[in-house]
Amino acid sequence: MLVLTRKKEQSIIIDENIEITILDISGDQVKIGINAPKNVTVHRKEIFLQIAEENRKAAAGIGTDININSILKNNLEKG
C-alpha cells in the first residue's frame, strides 16, 4: 500500500486520468473529490462489496427460486 500525506486542496494523480483532491478536513473526516473518466466506476468500499455480493448471489442463483415462487403465488392469488 502506498501511503501519501496531502493537505487541503492538494491532489493525487492516478494513471494520468484520475485525480483525487482533498477538499476539506474536519475532525476525523476527510472530504475528497474524484475526477475520473465516465468509463471508470467509483464506489465507496462498502457499496462495492455489497454490489459484488449481490452479483455473486445472482450468478449462483441464490434466492431465485424463492423470488419466482413468490411471484407465481401472488399472480395465482390475484386471479
N, C-alpha and C. Protein backbone atom coordinates (compact mmCIF):
# COMPACT_ATOMS: atom_id res chain seq x y z
N MET A 1 0.85 -1.18 0.00
CA MET A 1 0.00 0.00 0.00
C MET A 1 0.90 1.24 0.00
N LEU A 2 0.60 2.14 -0.89
CA LEU A 2 1.29 3.41 -0.94
C LEU A 2 0.60 4.36 0.03
N VAL A 3 1.35 5.00 0.90
CA VAL A 3 0.78 5.95 1.86
C VAL A 3 1.34 7.33 1.54
N LEU A 4 0.44 8.29 1.31
CA LEU A 4 0.82 9.66 0.98
C LEU A 4 0.19 10.62 1.98
N THR A 5 0.86 11.71 2.23
CA THR A 5 0.32 12.77 3.06
C THR A 5 -0.07 13.93 2.15
N ARG A 6 -1.29 14.41 2.29
CA ARG A 6 -1.78 15.53 1.49
C ARG A 6 -2.45 16.53 2.41
N LYS A 7 -2.44 17.78 2.01
CA LYS A 7 -3.14 18.84 2.73
C LYS A 7 -4.35 19.26 1.91
N LYS A 8 -5.21 20.07 2.54
CA LYS A 8 -6.40 20.58 1.87
C LYS A 8 -6.02 21.22 0.53
N GLU A 9 -6.80 20.90 -0.50
CA GLU A 9 -6.64 21.40 -1.86
C GLU A 9 -5.45 20.80 -2.61
N GLN A 10 -4.78 19.80 -2.03
CA GLN A 10 -3.73 19.09 -2.75
C GLN A 10 -4.33 17.84 -3.39
N SER A 11 -3.68 17.37 -4.44
CA SER A 11 -4.23 16.27 -5.23
C SER A 11 -3.25 15.12 -5.38
N ILE A 12 -3.80 14.01 -5.84
CA ILE A 12 -3.05 12.82 -6.23
C ILE A 12 -3.54 12.45 -7.63
N ILE A 13 -2.63 12.11 -8.52
CA ILE A 13 -2.99 11.69 -9.86
C ILE A 13 -2.73 10.20 -9.99
N ILE A 14 -3.70 9.48 -10.54
CA ILE A 14 -3.57 8.04 -10.76
C ILE A 14 -3.71 7.77 -12.26
N ASP A 15 -2.74 7.13 -12.82
CA ASP A 15 -2.78 6.67 -14.21
C ASP A 15 -3.11 7.80 -15.19
N GLU A 16 -2.61 8.97 -14.96
CA GLU A 16 -2.72 10.13 -15.83
C GLU A 16 -4.13 10.67 -16.05
N ASN A 17 -5.18 9.94 -15.62
CA ASN A 17 -6.52 10.43 -15.92
C ASN A 17 -7.49 10.40 -14.74
N ILE A 18 -6.99 10.08 -13.55
CA ILE A 18 -7.82 10.10 -12.34
C ILE A 18 -7.16 11.03 -11.34
N GLU A 19 -7.91 12.03 -10.89
CA GLU A 19 -7.37 12.99 -9.92
C GLU A 19 -8.20 12.93 -8.65
N ILE A 20 -7.53 12.75 -7.53
CA ILE A 20 -8.18 12.75 -6.22
C ILE A 20 -7.70 13.99 -5.48
N THR A 21 -8.64 14.83 -5.06
CA THR A 21 -8.31 16.10 -4.41
C THR A 21 -8.89 16.12 -3.00
N ILE A 22 -8.10 16.57 -2.04
CA ILE A 22 -8.57 16.76 -0.67
C ILE A 22 -9.35 18.08 -0.66
N LEU A 23 -10.66 18.01 -0.40
CA LEU A 23 -11.49 19.21 -0.42
C LEU A 23 -11.62 19.85 0.95
N ASP A 24 -11.72 19.01 1.98
CA ASP A 24 -11.91 19.56 3.33
C ASP A 24 -11.49 18.52 4.35
N ILE A 25 -11.02 19.00 5.48
CA ILE A 25 -10.66 18.14 6.60
C ILE A 25 -11.35 18.71 7.83
N SER A 26 -12.16 17.86 8.49
CA SER A 26 -12.89 18.31 9.66
C SER A 26 -12.87 17.19 10.69
N GLY A 27 -12.13 17.36 11.76
CA GLY A 27 -12.01 16.32 12.78
C GLY A 27 -11.38 15.07 12.19
N ASP A 28 -12.09 13.95 12.30
CA ASP A 28 -11.56 12.70 11.77
C ASP A 28 -12.13 12.36 10.40
N GLN A 29 -12.77 13.33 9.74
CA GLN A 29 -13.32 13.11 8.40
C GLN A 29 -12.57 13.94 7.36
N VAL A 30 -12.39 13.32 6.21
CA VAL A 30 -11.75 13.98 5.09
C VAL A 30 -12.72 13.93 3.92
N LYS A 31 -13.01 15.07 3.31
CA LYS A 31 -13.86 15.12 2.14
C LYS A 31 -12.95 15.13 0.92
N ILE A 32 -13.18 14.17 0.01
CA ILE A 32 -12.35 14.10 -1.19
C ILE A 32 -13.22 14.27 -2.43
N GLY A 33 -12.60 14.77 -3.48
CA GLY A 33 -13.25 14.86 -4.79
C GLY A 33 -12.49 13.97 -5.75
N ILE A 34 -13.21 13.32 -6.64
CA ILE A 34 -12.59 12.41 -7.58
C ILE A 34 -13.01 12.80 -8.99
N ASN A 35 -12.04 13.12 -9.83
CA ASN A 35 -12.28 13.36 -11.26
C ASN A 35 -11.75 12.16 -12.00
N ALA A 36 -12.65 11.47 -12.71
CA ALA A 36 -12.26 10.28 -13.45
C ALA A 36 -13.09 10.22 -14.73
N PRO A 37 -12.58 9.52 -15.74
CA PRO A 37 -13.37 9.35 -16.96
C PRO A 37 -14.69 8.64 -16.66
N LYS A 38 -15.69 8.88 -17.48
CA LYS A 38 -17.02 8.29 -17.26
C LYS A 38 -17.00 6.77 -17.28
N ASN A 39 -16.03 6.16 -17.95
CA ASN A 39 -15.98 4.70 -18.02
C ASN A 39 -15.32 4.08 -16.79
N VAL A 40 -14.87 4.89 -15.85
CA VAL A 40 -14.27 4.40 -14.60
C VAL A 40 -15.33 4.47 -13.51
N THR A 41 -15.66 3.31 -12.91
CA THR A 41 -16.64 3.32 -11.83
C THR A 41 -15.93 3.62 -10.52
N VAL A 42 -16.59 4.42 -9.70
CA VAL A 42 -16.05 4.80 -8.40
C VAL A 42 -17.13 4.55 -7.36
N HIS A 43 -16.82 3.72 -6.36
CA HIS A 43 -17.77 3.41 -5.29
C HIS A 43 -17.06 3.49 -3.95
N ARG A 44 -17.82 3.80 -2.90
CA ARG A 44 -17.30 3.59 -1.55
C ARG A 44 -17.10 2.09 -1.39
N LYS A 45 -16.12 1.70 -0.58
CA LYS A 45 -15.80 0.28 -0.46
C LYS A 45 -16.99 -0.55 -0.01
N GLU A 46 -17.75 -0.06 0.98
CA GLU A 46 -18.87 -0.84 1.48
C GLU A 46 -19.93 -1.06 0.40
N ILE A 47 -20.13 -0.09 -0.46
CA ILE A 47 -21.08 -0.23 -1.56
C ILE A 47 -20.53 -1.21 -2.59
N PHE A 48 -19.25 -1.11 -2.91
CA PHE A 48 -18.61 -2.03 -3.84
C PHE A 48 -18.76 -3.48 -3.37
N LEU A 49 -18.56 -3.71 -2.06
CA LEU A 49 -18.67 -5.06 -1.52
C LEU A 49 -20.11 -5.58 -1.60
N GLN A 50 -21.09 -4.70 -1.37
CA GLN A 50 -22.50 -5.10 -1.50
C GLN A 50 -22.84 -5.47 -2.94
N ILE A 51 -22.36 -4.68 -3.88
CA ILE A 51 -22.59 -4.97 -5.30
C ILE A 51 -21.97 -6.31 -5.66
N ALA A 52 -20.74 -6.53 -5.22
CA ALA A 52 -20.04 -7.78 -5.52
C ALA A 52 -20.80 -8.97 -4.93
N GLU A 53 -21.32 -8.83 -3.72
CA GLU A 53 -22.07 -9.93 -3.09
C GLU A 53 -23.37 -10.21 -3.84
N GLU A 54 -24.08 -9.16 -4.23
CA GLU A 54 -25.31 -9.35 -5.00
C GLU A 54 -25.02 -10.01 -6.34
N ASN A 55 -23.93 -9.61 -6.98
CA ASN A 55 -23.54 -10.24 -8.25
C ASN A 55 -23.20 -11.71 -8.04
N ARG A 56 -22.52 -12.02 -6.94
CA ARG A 56 -22.16 -13.41 -6.64
C ARG A 56 -23.42 -14.25 -6.44
N LYS A 57 -24.37 -13.69 -5.68
CA LYS A 57 -25.63 -14.40 -5.44
C LYS A 57 -26.39 -14.62 -6.74
N ALA A 58 -26.45 -13.59 -7.56
CA ALA A 58 -27.17 -13.71 -8.83
C ALA A 58 -26.53 -14.76 -9.73
N ALA A 59 -25.22 -14.79 -9.77
CA ALA A 59 -24.52 -15.77 -10.60
C ALA A 59 -24.72 -17.19 -10.08
N ALA A 60 -24.86 -17.33 -8.76
CA ALA A 60 -25.05 -18.65 -8.16
C ALA A 60 -26.52 -19.06 -8.14
N GLY A 61 -27.41 -18.13 -8.44
CA GLY A 61 -28.85 -18.43 -8.44
C GLY A 61 -29.45 -18.46 -7.05
N ILE A 62 -28.74 -17.92 -6.05
CA ILE A 62 -29.26 -17.92 -4.67
C ILE A 62 -30.48 -17.00 -4.60
N GLY A 63 -31.55 -17.51 -4.04
CA GLY A 63 -32.76 -16.71 -3.85
C GLY A 63 -33.65 -16.67 -5.07
N THR A 64 -33.20 -17.16 -6.22
CA THR A 64 -34.00 -17.08 -7.43
C THR A 64 -35.28 -17.89 -7.30
N ASP A 65 -35.20 -19.11 -6.77
CA ASP A 65 -36.38 -19.96 -6.64
C ASP A 65 -37.42 -19.32 -5.73
N ILE A 66 -36.99 -18.74 -4.64
CA ILE A 66 -37.92 -18.10 -3.70
C ILE A 66 -38.63 -16.95 -4.39
N ASN A 67 -37.89 -16.13 -5.13
CA ASN A 67 -38.50 -14.99 -5.80
C ASN A 67 -39.48 -15.44 -6.87
N ILE A 68 -39.13 -16.44 -7.66
CA ILE A 68 -40.03 -16.93 -8.70
C ILE A 68 -41.27 -17.55 -8.08
N ASN A 69 -41.10 -18.36 -7.04
CA ASN A 69 -42.25 -18.98 -6.37
C ASN A 69 -43.16 -17.92 -5.77
N SER A 70 -42.58 -16.90 -5.18
CA SER A 70 -43.37 -15.83 -4.59
C SER A 70 -44.16 -15.08 -5.65
N ILE A 71 -43.54 -14.81 -6.77
CA ILE A 71 -44.21 -14.11 -7.86
C ILE A 71 -45.35 -14.96 -8.41
N LEU A 72 -45.09 -16.25 -8.64
CA LEU A 72 -46.12 -17.14 -9.15
C LEU A 72 -47.29 -17.24 -8.19
N LYS A 73 -46.99 -17.36 -6.90
CA LYS A 73 -48.04 -17.46 -5.89
C LYS A 73 -48.90 -16.21 -5.89
N ASN A 74 -48.26 -15.03 -5.92
CA ASN A 74 -49.01 -13.76 -5.92
C ASN A 74 -49.89 -13.64 -7.16
N ASN A 75 -49.38 -14.06 -8.30
CA ASN A 75 -50.16 -13.99 -9.53
C ASN A 75 -51.35 -14.94 -9.49
N LEU A 76 -51.17 -16.13 -8.94
CA LEU A 76 -52.27 -17.10 -8.84
C LEU A 76 -53.36 -16.59 -7.89
N GLU A 77 -52.94 -15.97 -6.78
CA GLU A 77 -53.89 -15.45 -5.81
C GLU A 77 -54.71 -14.30 -6.39
N LYS A 78 -54.10 -13.50 -7.26
CA LYS A 78 -54.80 -12.36 -7.85
C LYS A 78 -55.80 -12.79 -8.93
N GLY A 79 -55.60 -13.99 -9.44
CA GLY A 79 -56.62 -14.46 -10.31
C GLY A 79 -56.31 -14.72 -11.70
